[in-house]
Amino acid sequence: MGDRIAGMQLLRNFSRRLGKLGILVDLYGNFPWIYIVAINGKQVKERYEADHGFTAFWYPTKLDEPVTFTNRREVFKLIRKYVG
């Protein structure tokens, strides 16, 4: 259960750290995927690893596994595209 809490902390830290840089990220969860829906109010149109949106995080089905990035490099490439 500790890993699950640590994974949720990853999401909080991700949002909070980007917020300190003036970047607001809207996340949407549809178990087991967590999507980036909007960045600074701009709707994300790209798809990554899914038919319905840009999958940024994976919420594992086993209790002993943490929430993880799908691909950290692709997530931050998307953020740079919408901010820059």
PDB file of N, CA and C in Angstrom:
ATOM      1  N   MET A   1       0.824  -1.193   0.000  1.00  0.00           N
ATOM      2  CA  MET A   1       0.000   0.000   0.000  1.00  0.00           C
ATOM      3  C   MET A   1       0.868   1.257   0.000  1.00  0.00           C
ATOM      4  N   GLY A   2       2.069   1.162   0.552  1.00  0.00           N
ATOM      5  CA  GLY A   2       2.966   2.312   0.588  1.00  0.00           C
ATOM      6  C   GLY A   2       3.369   2.774  -0.800  1.00  0.00           C
ATOM      7  N   ASP A   3       3.560   1.815  -1.728  1.00  0.00           N
ATOM      8  CA  ASP A   3       3.919   2.179  -3.098  1.00  0.00           C
ATOM      9  C   ASP A   3       2.807   2.959  -3.777  1.00  0.00           C
ATOM     10  N   ARG A   4       1.578   2.596  -3.498  1.00  0.00           N
ATOM     11  CA  ARG A   4       0.434   3.277  -4.096  1.00  0.00           C
ATOM     12  C   ARG A   4       0.391   4.729  -3.624  1.00  0.00           C
ATOM     13  N   ILE A   5       0.642   4.960  -2.349  1.00  0.00           N
ATOM     14  CA  ILE A   5       0.668   6.318  -1.807  1.00  0.00           C
ATOM     15  C   ILE A   5       1.837   7.090  -2.394  1.00  0.00           C
ATOM     16  N   ALA A   6       2.983   6.440  -2.544  1.00  0.00           N
ATOM     17  CA  ALA A   6       4.144   7.089  -3.153  1.00  0.00           C
ATOM     18  C   ALA A   6       3.841   7.475  -4.599  1.00  0.00           C
ATOM     19  N   GLY A   7       3.088   6.647  -5.305  1.00  0.00           N
ATOM     20  CA  GLY A   7       2.715   6.960  -6.683  1.00  0.00           C
ATOM     21  C   GLY A   7       1.809   8.176  -6.763  1.00  0.00           C
ATOM     22  N   MET A   8       0.877   8.281  -5.837  1.00  0.00           N
ATOM     23  CA  MET A   8       0.005   9.455  -5.822  1.00  0.00           C
ATOM     24  C   MET A   8       0.817  10.698  -5.464  1.00  0.00           C
ATOM     25  N   GLN A   9       1.844  10.527  -4.637  1.00  0.00           N
ATOM     26  CA  GLN A   9       2.733  11.638  -4.314  1.00  0.00           C
ATOM     27  C   GLN A   9       3.465  12.103  -5.572  1.00  0.00           C
ATOM     28  N   LEU A  10       3.802  11.179  -6.465  1.00  0.00           N
ATOM     29  CA  LEU A  10       4.428  11.537  -7.740  1.00  0.00           C
ATOM     30  C   LEU A  10       3.526  12.488  -8.517  1.00  0.00           C
ATOM     31  N   LEU A  11       2.238  12.202  -8.567  1.00  0.00           N
ATOM     32  CA  LEU A  11       1.304  13.067  -9.284  1.00  0.00           C
ATOM     33  C   LEU A  11       1.188  14.436  -8.626  1.00  0.00           C
ATOM     34  N   ARG A  12       1.129  14.469  -7.307  1.00  0.00           N
ATOM     35  CA  ARG A  12       1.053  15.752  -6.594  1.00  0.00           C
ATOM     36  C   ARG A  12       2.314  16.576  -6.815  1.00  0.00           C
ATOM     37  N   ASN A  13       3.474  15.940  -6.707  1.00  0.00           N
ATOM     38  CA  ASN A  13       4.735  16.653  -6.923  1.00  0.00           C
ATOM     39  C   ASN A  13       4.842  17.168  -8.356  1.00  0.00           C
ATOM     40  N   PHE A  14       4.435  16.358  -9.316  1.00  0.00           N
ATOM     41  CA  PHE A  14       4.453  16.740 -10.724  1.00  0.00           C
ATOM     42  C   PHE A  14       3.628  18.010 -10.941  1.00  0.00           C
ATOM     43  N   SER A  15       2.408  18.014 -10.459  1.00  0.00           N
ATOM     44  CA  SER A  15       1.526  19.176 -10.623  1.00  0.00           C
ATOM     45  C   SER A  15       2.046  20.382  -9.855  1.00  0.00           C
ATOM     46  N   ARG A  16       2.493  20.167  -8.642  1.00  0.00           N
ATOM     47  CA  ARG A  16       2.961  21.283  -7.807  1.00  0.00           C
ATOM     48  C   ARG A  16       4.226  21.922  -8.374  1.00  0.00           C
ATOM     49  N   ARG A  17       5.171  21.139  -8.817  1.00  0.00           N
ATOM     50  CA  ARG A  17       6.421  21.680  -9.368  1.00  0.00           C
ATOM     51  C   ARG A  17       6.186  22.424 -10.674  1.00  0.00           C
ATOM     52  N   LEU A  18       5.324  21.891 -11.514  1.00  0.00           N
ATOM     53  CA  LEU A  18       4.991  22.620 -12.740  1.00  0.00           C
ATOM     54  C   LEU A  18       4.253  23.913 -12.406  1.00  0.00           C
ATOM     55  N   GLY A  19       3.388  23.881 -11.402  1.00  0.00           N
ATOM     56  CA  GLY A  19       2.660  25.070 -10.971  1.00  0.00           C
ATOM     57  C   GLY A  19       3.593  26.169 -10.513  1.00  0.00           C
ATOM     58  N   LYS A  20       4.680  25.807  -9.851  1.00  0.00           N
ATOM     59  CA  LYS A  20       5.663  26.799  -9.420  1.00  0.00           C
ATOM     60  C   LYS A  20       6.335  27.481 -10.613  1.00  0.00           C
ATOM     61  N   LEU A  21       6.350  26.812 -11.751  1.00  0.00           N
ATOM     62  CA  LEU A  21       6.909  27.381 -12.979  1.00  0.00           C
ATOM     63  C   LEU A  21       5.849  28.117 -13.798  1.00  0.00           C
ATOM     64  N   GLY A  22       4.632  28.172 -13.280  1.00  0.00           N
ATOM     65  CA  GLY A  22       3.546  28.831 -13.985  1.00  0.00           C
ATOM     66  C   GLY A  22       2.883  27.965 -15.036  1.00  0.00           C
ATOM     67  N   ILE A  23       3.063  26.667 -14.926  1.00  0.00           N
ATOM     68  CA  ILE A  23       2.479  25.725 -15.883  1.00  0.00           C
ATOM     69  C   ILE A  23       1.375  24.948 -15.169  1.00  0.00           C
ATOM     70  N   LEU A  24       0.156  25.098 -15.646  1.00  0.00           N
ATOM     71  CA  LEU A  24      -0.978  24.385 -15.063  1.00  0.00           C
ATOM     72  C   LEU A  24      -1.324  23.192 -15.943  1.00  0.00           C
ATOM     73  N   VAL A  25      -1.349  22.019 -15.336  1.00  0.00           N
ATOM     74  CA  VAL A  25      -1.615  20.786 -16.069  1.00  0.00           C
ATOM     75  C   VAL A  25      -2.891  20.167 -15.517  1.00  0.00           C
ATOM     76  N   ASP A  26      -3.847  19.894 -16.403  1.00  0.00           N
ATOM     77  CA  ASP A  26      -5.080  19.208 -16.022  1.00  0.00           C
ATOM     78  C   ASP A  26      -4.920  17.729 -16.329  1.00  0.00           C
ATOM     79  N   LEU A  27      -5.099  16.908 -15.308  1.00  0.00           N
ATOM     80  CA  LEU A  27      -4.994  15.463 -15.458  1.00  0.00           C
ATOM     81  C   LEU A  27      -6.370  14.831 -15.327  1.00  0.00           C
ATOM     82  N   TYR A  28      -6.569  13.734 -16.022  1.00  0.00           N
ATOM     83  CA  TYR A  28      -7.827  12.998 -15.978  1.00  0.00           C
ATOM     84  C   TYR A  28      -7.485  11.525 -15.843  1.00  0.00           C
ATOM     85  N   GLY A  29      -8.131  10.847 -14.927  1.00  0.00           N
ATOM     86  CA  GLY A  29      -7.876   9.442 -14.728  1.00  0.00           C
ATOM     87  C   GLY A  29      -9.008   8.567 -15.226  1.00  0.00           C
ATOM     88  N   ASN A  30      -8.657   7.530 -15.931  1.00  0.00           N
ATOM     89  CA  ASN A  30      -9.580   6.500 -16.369  1.00  0.00           C
ATOM     90  C   ASN A  30      -8.828   5.187 -16.158  1.00  0.00           C
ATOM     91  N   PHE A  31      -9.041   4.601 -14.995  1.00  0.00           N
ATOM     92  CA  PHE A  31      -8.252   3.461 -14.545  1.00  0.00           C
ATOM     93  C   PHE A  31      -7.965   2.497 -15.675  1.00  0.00           C
ATOM     94  N   PRO A  32      -6.744   2.135 -15.911  1.00  0.00           N
ATOM     95  CA  PRO A  32      -5.514   2.415 -15.187  1.00  0.00           C
ATOM     96  C   PRO A  32      -4.671   3.542 -15.796  1.00  0.00           C
ATOM     97  N   TRP A  33      -5.232   4.340 -16.677  1.00  0.00           N
ATOM     98  CA  TRP A  33      -4.465   5.393 -17.341  1.00  0.00           C
ATOM     99  C   TRP A  33      -4.743   6.755 -16.726  1.00  0.00           C
ATOM    100  N   ILE A  34      -3.749   7.618 -16.767  1.00  0.00           N
ATOM    101  CA  ILE A  34      -3.914   9.001 -16.333  1.00  0.00           C
ATOM    102  C   ILE A  34      -3.453   9.867 -17.505  1.00  0.00           C
ATOM    103  N   TYR A  35      -4.368  10.689 -17.992  1.00  0.00           N
ATOM    104  CA  TYR A  35      -4.132  11.496 -19.190  1.00  0.00           C
ATOM    105  C   TYR A  35      -3.821  12.943 -18.832  1.00  0.00           C
ATOM    106  N   ILE A  36      -3.040  13.599 -19.702  1.00  0.00           N
ATOM    107  CA  ILE A  36      -2.926  15.052 -19.649  1.00  0.00           C
ATOM    108  C   ILE A  36      -4.003  15.576 -20.589  1.00  0.00           C
ATOM    109  N   VAL A  37      -4.939  16.333 -20.046  1.00  0.00           N
ATOM    110  CA  VAL A  37      -6.077  16.826 -20.820  1.00  0.00           C
ATOM    111  C   VAL A  37      -5.818  18.232 -21.344  1.00  0.00           C
ATOM    112  N   ALA A  38      -5.198  19.071 -20.502  1.00  0.00           N
ATOM    113  CA  ALA A  38      -4.933  20.458 -20.904  1.00  0.00           C
ATOM    114  C   ALA A  38      -3.662  20.953 -20.226  1.00  0.00           C
ATOM    115  N   ILE A  39      -2.986  21.856 -20.916  1.00  0.00           N
ATOM    116  CA  ILE A  39      -1.793  22.504 -20.380  1.00  0.00           C
ATOM    117  C   ILE A  39      -2.003  24.000 -20.526  1.00  0.00           C
ATOM    118  N   ASN A  40      -1.979  24.707 -19.401  1.00  0.00           N
ATOM    119  CA  ASN A  40      -2.231  26.153 -19.373  1.00  0.00           C
ATOM    120  C   ASN A  40      -3.524  26.523 -20.101  1.00  0.00           C
ATOM    121  N   GLY A  41      -4.541  25.709 -19.931  1.00  0.00           N
ATOM    122  CA  GLY A  41      -5.840  25.988 -20.511  1.00  0.00           C
ATOM    123  C   GLY A  41      -5.998  25.580 -21.965  1.00  0.00           C
ATOM    124  N   LYS A  42      -4.924  25.108 -22.602  1.00  0.00           N
ATOM    125  CA  LYS A  42      -4.992  24.655 -23.996  1.00  0.00           C
ATOM    126  C   LYS A  42      -5.250  23.160 -24.007  1.00  0.00           C
ATOM    127  N   GLN A  43      -6.304  22.752 -24.689  1.00  0.00           N
ATOM    128  CA  GLN A  43      -6.650  21.337 -24.753  1.00  0.00           C
ATOM    129  C   GLN A  43      -5.595  20.565 -25.548  1.00  0.00           C
ATOM    130  N   VAL A  44      -5.154  19.458 -24.990  1.00  0.00           N
ATOM    131  CA  VAL A  44      -4.156  18.605 -25.640  1.00  0.00           C
ATOM    132  C   VAL A  44      -4.863  17.748 -26.682  1.00  0.00           C
ATOM    133  N   LYS A  45      -4.390  17.815 -27.906  1.00  0.00           N
ATOM    134  CA  LYS A  45      -5.010  17.074 -29.000  1.00  0.00           C
ATOM    135  C   LYS A  45      -4.227  15.811 -29.374  1.00  0.00           C
ATOM    136  N   GLU A  46      -2.983  15.742 -28.967  1.00  0.00           N
ATOM    137  CA  GLU A  46      -2.135  14.603 -29.302  1.00  0.00           C
ATOM    138  C   GLU A  46      -2.595  13.339 -28.590  1.00  0.00           C
ATOM    139  N   ARG A  47      -2.224  12.217 -29.164  1.00  0.00           N
ATOM    140  CA  ARG A  47      -2.496  10.908 -28.578  1.00  0.00           C
ATOM    141  C   ARG A  47      -1.155  10.250 -28.306  1.00  0.00           C
ATOM    142  N   TYR A  48      -1.093   9.551 -27.186  1.00  0.00           N
ATOM    143  CA  TYR A  48       0.119   8.784 -26.884  1.00  0.00           C
ATOM    144  C   TYR A  48      -0.289   7.545 -26.109  1.00  0.00           C
ATOM    145  N   GLU A  49       0.031   6.392 -26.656  1.00  0.00           N
ATOM    146  CA  GLU A  49      -0.230   5.115 -26.001  1.00  0.00           C
ATOM    147  C   GLU A  49      -1.713   4.867 -25.733  1.00  0.00           C
ATOM    148  N   ALA A  50      -2.607   5.592 -26.418  1.00  0.00           N
ATOM    149  CA  ALA A  50      -4.041   5.401 -26.184  1.00  0.00           C
ATOM    150  C   ALA A  50      -4.825   5.974 -27.355  1.00  0.00           C
ATOM    151  N   ASP A  51      -6.067   5.556 -27.474  1.00  0.00           N
ATOM    152  CA  ASP A  51      -6.953   6.077 -28.514  1.00  0.00           C
ATOM    153  C   ASP A  51      -7.676   7.333 -28.066  1.00  0.00           C
ATOM    154  N   HIS A  52      -7.674   7.616 -26.768  1.00  0.00           N
ATOM    155  CA  HIS A  52      -8.525   8.675 -26.238  1.00  0.00           C
ATOM    156  C   HIS A  52      -7.790   9.900 -25.723  1.00  0.00           C
ATOM    157  N   GLY A  53      -6.484   9.897 -25.715  1.00  0.00           N
ATOM    158  CA  GLY A  53      -5.768  11.056 -25.205  1.00  0.00           C
ATOM    159  C   GLY A  53      -4.295  10.779 -25.028  1.00  0.00           C
ATOM    160  N   PHE A  54      -3.628  11.730 -24.403  1.00  0.00           N
ATOM    161  CA  PHE A  54      -2.194  11.612 -24.162  1.00  0.00           C
ATOM    162  C   PHE A  54      -1.982  10.963 -22.794  1.00  0.00           C
ATOM    163  N   THR A  55      -1.594   9.713 -22.800  1.00  0.00           N
ATOM    164  CA  THR A  55      -1.383   8.977 -21.562  1.00  0.00           C
ATOM    165  C   THR A  55      -0.039   9.382 -20.967  1.00  0.00           C
ATOM    166  N   ALA A  56      -0.086   9.995 -19.784  1.00  0.00           N
ATOM    167  CA  ALA A  56       1.121  10.467 -19.137  1.00  0.00           C
ATOM    168  C   ALA A  56       1.593   9.532 -18.029  1.00  0.00           C
ATOM    169  N   PHE A  57       0.639   8.905 -17.345  1.00  0.00           N
ATOM    170  CA  PHE A  57       0.971   8.032 -16.223  1.00  0.00           C
ATOM    171  C   PHE A  57       0.181   6.737 -16.331  1.00  0.00           C
ATOM    172  N   TRP A  58       0.711   5.737 -15.692  1.00  0.00           N
ATOM    173  CA  TRP A  58       0.087   4.426 -15.643  1.00  0.00           C
ATOM    174  C   TRP A  58      -0.198   4.094 -14.194  1.00  0.00           C
ATOM    175  N   TYR A  59      -1.431   3.762 -13.894  1.00  0.00           N
ATOM    176  CA  TYR A  59      -1.846   3.372 -12.550  1.00  0.00           C
ATOM    177  C   TYR A  59      -1.940   1.859 -12.551  1.00  0.00           C
ATOM    178  N   PRO A  60      -0.969   1.156 -11.976  1.00  0.00           N
ATOM    179  CA  PRO A  60      -0.925  -0.307 -12.083  1.00  0.00           C
ATOM    180  C   PRO A  60      -2.088  -0.991 -11.381  1.00  0.00           C
ATOM    181  N   THR A  61      -2.377  -2.179 -11.817  1.00  0.00           N
ATOM    182  CA  THR A  61      -3.490  -2.930 -11.259  1.00  0.00           C
ATOM    183  C   THR A  61      -3.119  -3.677  -9.979  1.00  0.00           C
ATOM    184  N   LYS A  62      -1.829  -3.862  -9.727  1.00  0.00           N
ATOM    185  CA  LYS A  62      -1.383  -4.538  -8.508  1.00  0.00           C
ATOM    186  C   LYS A  62      -1.120  -3.517  -7.417  1.00  0.00           C
ATOM    187  N   LEU A  63      -1.528  -3.822  -6.205  1.00  0.00           N
ATOM    188  CA  LEU A  63      -1.389  -2.887  -5.085  1.00  0.00           C
ATOM    189  C   LEU A  63       0.056  -2.578  -4.716  1.00  0.00           C
ATOM    190  N   ASP A  64       0.974  -3.475  -5.000  1.00  0.00           N
ATOM    191  CA  ASP A  64       2.354  -3.259  -4.582  1.00  0.00           C
ATOM    192  C   ASP A  64       3.197  -2.517  -5.617  1.00  0.00           C
ATOM    193  N   GLU A  65       2.591  -2.037  -6.706  1.00  0.00           N
ATOM    194  CA  GLU A  65       3.323  -1.294  -7.738  1.00  0.00           C
ATOM    195  C   GLU A  65       2.912   0.173  -7.707  1.00  0.00           C
ATOM    196  N   PRO A  66       3.867   1.085  -7.934  1.00  0.00           N
ATOM    197  CA  PRO A  66       3.561   2.510  -7.865  1.00  0.00           C
ATOM    198  C   PRO A  66       3.029   3.058  -9.192  1.00  0.00           C
ATOM    199  N   VAL A  67       2.432   4.239  -9.123  1.00  0.00           N
ATOM    200  CA  VAL A  67       2.064   4.991 -10.321  1.00  0.00           C
ATOM    201  C   VAL A  67       3.365   5.417 -10.991  1.00  0.00           C
ATOM    202  N   THR A  68       3.441   5.278 -12.308  1.00  0.00           N
ATOM    203  CA  THR A  68       4.673   5.619 -13.016  1.00  0.00           C
ATOM    204  C   THR A  68       4.362   6.423 -14.278  1.00  0.00           C
ATOM    205  N   PHE A  69       5.365   7.139 -14.771  1.00  0.00           N
ATOM    206  CA  PHE A  69       5.267   7.801 -16.064  1.00  0.00           C
ATOM    207  C   PHE A  69       5.163   6.737 -17.148  1.00  0.00           C
ATOM    208  N   THR A  70       4.423   7.029 -18.212  1.00  0.00           N
ATOM    209  CA  THR A  70       4.439   6.129 -19.361  1.00  0.00           C
ATOM    210  C   THR A  70       5.753   6.320 -20.104  1.00  0.00           C
ATOM    211  N   ASN A  71       6.115   7.584 -20.353  1.00  0.00           N
ATOM    212  CA  ASN A  71       7.387   7.933 -20.986  1.00  0.00           C
ATOM    213  C   ASN A  71       7.686   9.378 -20.602  1.00  0.00           C
ATOM    214  N   ARG A  72       8.551   9.554 -19.654  1.00  0.00           N
ATOM    215  CA  ARG A  72       8.863  10.879 -19.114  1.00  0.00           C
ATOM    216  C   ARG A  72       9.307  11.845 -20.210  1.00  0.00           C
ATOM    217  N   ARG A  73      10.129  11.381 -21.117  1.00  0.00           N
ATOM    218  CA  ARG A  73      10.635  12.234 -22.202  1.00  0.00           C
ATOM    219  C   ARG A  73       9.483  12.769 -23.063  1.00  0.00           C
ATOM    220  N   GLU A  74       8.546  11.910 -23.419  1.00  0.00           N
ATOM    221  CA  GLU A  74       7.409  12.328 -24.247  1.00  0.00           C
ATOM    222  C   GLU A  74       6.491  13.289 -23.499  1.00  0.00           C
ATOM    223  N   VAL A  75       6.310  13.079 -22.197  1.00  0.00           N
ATOM    224  CA  VAL A  75       5.464  13.959 -21.389  1.00  0.00           C
ATOM    225  C   VAL A  75       6.041  15.372 -21.383  1.00  0.00           C
ATOM    226  N   PHE A  76       7.344  15.494 -21.129  1.00  0.00           N
ATOM    227  CA  PHE A  76       7.930  16.820 -21.062  1.00  0.00           C
ATOM    228  C   PHE A  76       8.095  17.456 -22.440  1.00  0.00           C
ATOM    229  N   LYS A  77       8.225  16.639 -23.473  1.00  0.00           N
ATOM    230  CA  LYS A  77       8.237  17.178 -24.842  1.00  0.00           C
ATOM    231  C   LYS A  77       6.881  17.817 -25.154  1.00  0.00           C
ATOM    232  N   LEU A  78       5.813  17.152 -24.738  1.00  0.00           N
ATOM    233  CA  LEU A  78       4.456  17.692 -24.933  1.00  0.00           C
ATOM    234  C   LEU A  78       4.282  19.001 -24.157  1.00  0.00           C
ATOM    235  N   ILE A  79       4.730  19.028 -22.910  1.00  0.00           N
ATOM    236  CA  ILE A  79       4.598  20.236 -22.091  1.00  0.00           C
ATOM    237  C   ILE A  79       5.360  21.392 -22.723  1.00  0.00           C
ATOM    238  N   ARG A  80       6.580  21.149 -23.181  1.00  0.00           N
ATOM    239  CA  ARG A  80       7.361  22.208 -23.846  1.00  0.00           C
ATOM    240  C   ARG A  80       6.649  22.719 -25.102  1.00  0.00           C
ATOM    241  N   LYS A  81       6.018  21.831 -25.827  1.00  0.00           N
ATOM    242  CA  LYS A  81       5.304  22.221 -27.044  1.00  0.00           C
ATOM    243  C   LYS A  81       4.152  23.172 -26.724  1.00  0.00           C
ATOM    244  N   TYR A  82       3.411  22.912 -25.658  1.00  0.00           N
ATOM    245  CA  TYR A  82       2.253  23.732 -25.316  1.00  0.00           C
ATOM    246  C   TYR A  82       2.610  25.002 -24.559  1.00  0.00           C
ATOM    247  N   VAL A  83       3.767  25.024 -23.921  1.00  0.00           N
ATOM    248  CA  VAL A  83       4.174  26.203 -23.162  1.00  0.00           C
ATOM    249  C   VAL A  83       4.979  27.159 -24.033  1.00  0.00           C
ATOM    250  N   GLY A  84       5.817  26.619 -24.882  1.00  0.00           N
ATOM    251  CA  GLY A  84       6.736  27.418 -25.674  1.00  0.00           C
ATOM    252  C   GLY A  84       6.176  28.056 -26.876  1.00  0.00           C
TER     253      GLY A  84
END
